[in-house]
Amino acid sequence: MSGKQVKIKRPPTVNGMPVDQFIEENADPIWLHQNERWELMPVEDSIFIPGPANDSETTEDEGGIPF
């Protein structure tokens, strides 16, 4: 405009892709936790194993201690 350069605002990118997409594809769980990006952390199914519904279903070893 009037012979002057005009700065065009563009969203930040990393290697040509949006920053959020780059983080989702390349960040490890430790970095995500340190930067409080828990919504992007992968969920492992083995962590959420349903336990017994009540105490009567628990098994006990020979000493009577539930395990």
Protein backbone atom coordinates (compact mmCIF):
# COMPACT_ATOMS: atom_id res chain seq x y z
CA MET A 1 0.00 0.00 0.00
CA SER A 2 1.41 3.35 -1.01
CA GLY A 3 4.71 1.69 -1.95
CA LYS A 4 5.24 0.13 1.52
CA GLN A 5 5.44 -3.52 2.41
CA VAL A 6 2.50 -4.94 4.30
CA LYS A 7 3.03 -7.77 6.76
CA ILE A 8 0.53 -10.56 6.20
CA LYS A 9 -0.25 -12.42 9.44
CA ARG A 10 -0.11 -16.17 9.00
CA PRO A 11 -0.53 -18.90 11.60
CA PRO A 12 2.77 -20.34 12.86
CA THR A 13 3.90 -23.57 11.20
CA VAL A 14 6.61 -26.19 11.72
CA ASN A 15 7.84 -27.91 8.58
CA GLY A 16 4.76 -26.62 6.74
CA MET A 17 2.15 -28.03 9.14
CA PRO A 18 0.28 -26.24 11.94
CA VAL A 19 2.01 -26.29 15.33
CA ASP A 20 -0.79 -28.24 17.06
CA GLN A 21 -0.72 -30.98 14.42
CA PHE A 22 3.08 -31.19 14.64
CA ILE A 23 2.89 -31.57 18.43
CA GLU A 24 0.21 -34.29 18.19
CA GLU A 25 2.32 -36.32 15.77
CA ASN A 26 5.79 -35.85 17.27
CA ALA A 27 5.60 -35.19 21.02
CA ASP A 28 6.43 -37.92 23.51
CA PRO A 29 4.30 -38.48 26.65
CA ILE A 30 6.91 -36.93 28.96
CA TRP A 31 6.94 -33.65 27.01
CA LEU A 32 3.15 -33.60 26.88
CA HIS A 33 2.97 -34.07 30.66
CA GLN A 34 5.60 -31.40 31.38
CA ASN A 35 3.72 -28.90 29.22
CA GLU A 36 0.28 -29.85 30.61
CA ARG A 37 -1.04 -31.14 27.27
CA TRP A 38 -2.78 -34.14 28.88
CA GLU A 39 -5.60 -34.16 26.33
CA LEU A 40 -3.08 -35.29 23.70
CA MET A 41 -1.53 -38.09 25.77
CA PRO A 42 -2.15 -41.60 24.44
CA VAL A 43 -4.37 -43.78 26.63
CA GLU A 44 -3.30 -47.36 27.21
CA ASP A 45 -6.11 -49.86 27.63
CA SER A 46 -4.04 -52.03 29.98
CA ILE A 47 -4.10 -49.31 32.66
CA PHE A 48 -7.87 -49.40 33.06
CA ILE A 49 -8.47 -53.02 34.02
CA PRO A 50 -11.76 -53.31 35.89
CA GLY A 51 -11.35 -54.77 39.36
CA PRO A 52 -13.78 -56.86 41.37
CA ALA A 53 -17.15 -55.27 42.11
CA ASN A 54 -16.96 -55.88 45.87
CA ASP A 55 -14.66 -57.40 48.50
CA SER A 56 -16.40 -60.80 48.49
CA GLU A 57 -15.00 -61.51 45.01
CA THR A 58 -11.35 -60.97 45.95
CA THR A 59 -9.14 -64.00 46.20
CA GLU A 60 -7.00 -64.65 49.25
CA ASP A 61 -3.69 -66.40 49.57
CA GLU A 62 -2.92 -69.06 52.23
CA GLY A 63 -2.37 -66.42 54.94
CA GLY A 64 -5.81 -64.88 54.39
CA ILE A 65 -4.38 -61.71 52.88
CA PRO A 66 -6.24 -60.53 49.75
CA PHE A 67 -4.12 -59.94 46.69
